[in-house]
Protein backbone atom coordinates (compact mmCIF):
# COMPACT_ATOMS: atom_id res chain seq x y z
CA MET A 1 154.49 25.87 -67.73
CA VAL A 2 154.77 28.76 -65.24
CA LEU A 3 153.82 27.99 -61.65
CA LYS A 4 152.47 30.98 -59.74
CA VAL A 5 152.19 29.39 -56.32
CA ASN A 6 154.29 31.23 -53.71
CA PHE A 7 155.83 29.02 -51.02
CA ARG A 8 157.98 30.34 -48.24
CA CYS A 9 159.86 27.09 -47.76
CA SER A 10 162.91 25.82 -49.44
CA LYS A 11 165.54 23.69 -49.40
CA ILE A 12 137.03 20.45 -47.45
CA GLU A 13 135.74 20.18 -44.55
CA ILE A 14 137.06 20.77 -41.05
CA MET A 15 136.78 17.56 -39.07
CA THR A 16 135.90 17.33 -35.39
CA LEU A 17 138.86 15.65 -33.74
CA THR A 18 137.15 13.23 -31.42
CA ARG A 19 138.49 9.93 -30.15
CA ARG A 20 135.96 8.19 -32.37
CA HIS A 21 137.31 10.09 -35.38
CA PHE A 22 140.85 9.05 -34.49
CA ILE A 23 139.87 5.41 -34.36
CA GLN A 24 137.78 5.52 -37.53
CA THR A 25 140.49 7.24 -39.58
CA GLY A 26 143.41 5.25 -38.21
CA LEU A 27 144.96 8.15 -36.32
CA ALA A 28 145.45 6.08 -33.20
CA ALA A 29 149.08 4.96 -33.11
CA GLY A 30 148.19 1.33 -32.66
CA LEU A 31 146.06 1.31 -35.81
CA LEU A 32 148.53 3.15 -38.05
CA PRO A 33 152.11 1.98 -37.47
CA ILE A 34 154.76 4.67 -37.35
CA ALA A 35 157.36 4.62 -40.11
CA THR A 36 160.50 4.28 -38.02
CA THR A 37 162.70 1.93 -39.99
CA ALA A 38 161.89 2.48 -43.66
CA SER A 39 164.05 5.58 -44.16
CA ALA A 40 167.29 5.13 -46.07
CA VAL A 41 168.79 7.84 -43.84
CA GLN A 42 169.58 6.89 -40.27
CA LEU A 43 168.72 9.74 -37.93
CA PRO A 44 169.83 9.94 -34.30
CA ALA A 45 167.46 8.02 -32.04
CA HIS A 46 165.90 11.17 -30.56
CA LEU A 47 164.86 12.34 -34.04
CA MET A 48 163.09 9.11 -34.97
CA PRO A 49 159.29 8.94 -34.49
CA LYS A 50 158.22 7.81 -31.04
CA VAL A 51 154.94 7.57 -29.18
CA VAL A 52 155.50 9.46 -25.95
CA ASP A 53 153.48 10.08 -22.81
CA VAL A 54 153.00 13.85 -22.56
CA ALA A 55 150.60 13.69 -19.61
CA GLY A 56 147.88 15.34 -21.68
CA ARG A 57 149.89 18.55 -22.17
CA ILE A 58 149.43 18.36 -25.94
CA PRO A 59 145.75 18.09 -26.88
CA GLN A 60 144.56 15.28 -29.09
CA GLY A 61 144.66 16.40 -32.71
CA GLN A 62 147.07 19.32 -32.21
CA ILE A 63 150.56 19.83 -33.66
CA GLU A 64 153.24 21.59 -31.61
CA VAL A 65 156.81 22.38 -32.68
CA TYR A 66 159.60 23.09 -30.18
CA PRO A 67 162.39 24.55 -32.35
CA ASP A 68 165.26 24.33 -29.87
CA GLU A 69 164.62 20.60 -29.45
CA PHE A 70 163.93 20.01 -33.16
CA HIS A 71 160.80 18.08 -32.26
CA LEU A 72 157.27 18.14 -33.64
CA TYR A 73 154.54 16.59 -31.48
CA PHE A 74 151.13 15.43 -32.70
CA GLY A 75 148.68 14.70 -29.89
CA ILE A 76 146.88 11.39 -30.35
CA TYR A 77 144.94 9.94 -27.41
CA GLU A 78 145.07 9.12 -23.69
CA GLY A 79 147.68 11.79 -22.96
CA ARG A 80 150.08 10.58 -25.63
CA ALA A 81 151.67 12.16 -28.68
CA ILE A 82 153.80 11.10 -31.59
CA ARG A 83 157.15 12.89 -31.61
CA TYR A 84 159.01 13.46 -34.88
CA GLY A 85 162.41 15.02 -35.53
CA VAL A 86 162.31 18.19 -37.64
CA GLY A 87 164.46 20.88 -39.16
CA VAL A 88 163.30 24.46 -38.52
CA GLY A 89 163.79 28.03 -39.73
CA ARG A 90 167.22 29.55 -39.34
CA ALA A 91 168.01 32.61 -37.23
CA ASN A 92 165.35 35.32 -37.59
CA LEU A 93 163.42 33.42 -40.28
CA TYR A 94 161.66 31.18 -37.75
CA GLU A 95 158.16 32.53 -37.06
CA PRO A 96 156.41 31.38 -33.88
CA GLY A 97 152.67 31.59 -33.54
CA ASN A 98 149.31 29.84 -33.82
CA PHE A 99 148.22 28.45 -37.16
CA THR A 100 145.79 26.01 -38.76
CA VAL A 101 146.35 23.38 -41.44
CA ASP A 102 144.42 24.90 -44.34
CA ARG A 103 145.45 22.55 -47.13
CA LYS A 104 147.34 19.31 -47.79
CA GLN A 105 149.23 18.32 -50.91
CA GLU A 106 151.01 15.21 -52.12
CA TRP A 107 154.19 15.91 -54.10
CA PRO A 108 153.62 19.68 -53.89
CA ASP A 109 154.86 22.30 -56.33
CA TRP A 110 157.25 24.93 -55.03
CA ARG A 111 158.22 28.48 -55.85
CA PRO A 112 160.53 30.60 -53.70
CA THR A 113 158.87 33.72 -52.35
CA ASP A 114 159.85 37.12 -53.65
CA ALA A 115 161.56 37.77 -50.31
CA MET A 116 163.69 34.65 -50.72
CA ILE A 117 164.70 35.66 -54.25
CA GLU A 118 165.56 39.17 -53.07
CA ARG A 119 167.52 37.84 -50.11
CA GLU A 120 169.50 35.24 -52.07
CA PRO A 121 169.07 35.86 -55.82
CA GLU A 122 172.05 33.71 -56.76
CA LYS A 123 170.36 30.74 -55.12
CA TYR A 124 166.66 31.21 -55.85
CA GLU A 125 166.24 33.36 -58.97
CA GLN A 126 166.66 30.32 -61.20
CA TYR A 127 163.49 28.87 -59.64
CA ALA A 128 161.33 31.99 -60.07
CA ASP A 129 159.01 30.15 -62.48
CA GLY A 130 158.49 27.34 -59.99
CA VAL A 131 159.45 23.70 -59.60
CA PRO A 132 156.86 20.96 -60.22
CA GLY A 133 156.25 18.33 -57.58
CA GLY A 134 158.47 15.27 -57.61
CA PRO A 135 161.49 13.61 -55.98
CA GLU A 136 163.74 16.64 -56.66
CA ASN A 137 161.32 19.22 -55.27
CA PRO A 138 162.57 20.90 -52.05
CA LEU A 139 159.20 20.35 -50.35
CA GLY A 140 159.59 16.59 -50.62
CA ALA A 141 156.76 14.08 -50.71
CA ARG A 142 154.04 15.89 -48.75
CA ALA A 143 153.16 19.36 -47.47
CA LEU A 144 150.77 20.77 -44.88
CA TYR A 145 149.91 24.42 -45.59
CA LEU A 146 149.54 26.71 -42.58
CA GLN A 147 147.28 29.74 -42.37
CA TYR A 148 147.06 32.52 -39.79
CA PRO A 149 144.01 32.79 -37.50
CA ASN A 150 142.60 35.47 -39.83
CA GLY A 151 142.61 32.98 -42.72
CA ARG A 152 145.57 34.51 -44.55
CA ASP A 153 148.24 32.22 -45.97
CA SER A 154 151.36 32.27 -43.78
CA TYR A 155 153.57 30.76 -46.53
CA LEU A 156 154.75 28.41 -43.81
CA ARG A 157 154.63 24.69 -44.46
CA ILE A 158 155.32 21.44 -42.67
CA HIS A 159 156.84 19.36 -45.43
CA GLY A 160 159.29 16.71 -46.56
CA THR A 161 162.81 17.34 -47.79
CA THR A 162 165.41 16.36 -50.36
CA ALA A 163 168.07 16.94 -47.69
CA PRO A 164 167.25 14.55 -44.82
CA ARG A 165 170.56 15.22 -43.09
CA THR A 166 169.29 18.71 -42.25
CA ILE A 167 166.79 17.24 -39.78
CA GLY A 168 167.82 18.39 -36.33
CA SER A 169 169.15 21.76 -37.51
CA ALA A 170 167.94 25.31 -38.14
CA VAL A 171 168.46 25.78 -41.87
CA SER A 172 165.15 26.57 -43.60
CA ASN A 173 163.48 29.83 -44.61
CA GLY A 174 160.88 29.33 -41.89
CA CYS A 175 159.20 25.99 -42.51
CA ALA A 176 159.41 22.77 -40.51
CA ARG A 177 160.77 19.83 -42.51
CA LEU A 178 160.67 16.10 -41.87
CA VAL A 179 162.20 13.10 -43.57
CA ASN A 180 159.88 12.11 -46.43
CA GLU A 181 158.81 8.86 -44.77
CA HIS A 182 157.93 10.75 -41.61
CA ILE A 183 155.94 13.51 -43.29
CA GLU A 184 154.03 10.81 -45.17
CA ASP A 185 153.17 9.24 -41.82
CA LEU A 186 152.12 12.56 -40.28
CA TYR A 187 150.21 13.55 -43.42
CA ARG A 188 147.96 10.48 -43.13
CA ARG A 189 147.08 11.35 -39.54
CA VAL A 190 146.41 15.07 -39.86
CA PRO A 191 143.07 16.37 -41.19
CA ILE A 192 142.46 19.84 -42.55
CA GLY A 193 141.60 22.16 -39.67
CA THR A 194 144.30 20.78 -37.36
CA PRO A 195 145.61 23.50 -34.99
CA VAL A 196 149.37 24.11 -35.03
CA ILE A 197 151.55 25.92 -32.49
CA LEU A 198 155.08 26.91 -33.45
CA HIS A 199 156.59 27.71 -30.07
CA GLN A 200 159.10 30.49 -29.58
CA LYS A 201 162.76 29.66 -29.46
CA GLY A 202 164.12 29.42 -25.96
CA ILE A 203 161.03 27.62 -24.62
CA ALA A 204 161.60 24.02 -23.58
CA SER A 205 158.81 21.52 -23.94
CA GLY A 206 159.54 19.89 -20.60
CA LEU A 207 158.68 16.62 -22.32
CA PHE A 208 162.16 15.12 -22.53
CA GLN A 209 161.61 12.94 -19.48
CA THR A 210 158.42 11.34 -20.71
CA VAL A 211 158.25 7.59 -20.98
CA GLU A 212 158.49 6.50 -24.58
CA GLN A 213 155.93 3.94 -25.68
CA PRO A 214 156.55 1.28 -28.34
CA ALA A 215 155.68 2.57 -31.80
């Protein structure tokens, strides 16, 4: 079987994000416990999921990634957000901007982009026909597909990983990666249509000093 889906990463109906929707779908942190202890890989404490008080700076239902801090925030309710540790794109492969979650997939397929194959043929050419979803797939257990404001596919994903020790580093071809247990948690909370901001490198969130709430 030849898979023709192009993904940049390695290694429905748009819902209105109201407080009522969060409660009904279990997006409120208290109704959907965060997976903080199930992972077989122990991450540093600052990369484990936490509910943090962001003083309303991250809107409810929005994802924001701060690459220098290796944190992804998902706004929930009452000025709070869930903070996850992530790995991000290396060097000039990180692409900041505004995006929207256009699609979601459990155990996604993966194919390196033509640019990835051209850049590192010795590494990616062997996967030119694609890799089916499963435990050995570089995208891990779940993937959120990001599109540009004009509706075009960005080939950027927020996804799981087969290399959890890369969380907290800049190693990917542009995507944001989470430990599989954490992307599964985020995946359940995020509906199609969710806005995503990938902030530029060199911009601090200013959220380090927030008071962490029990998960």
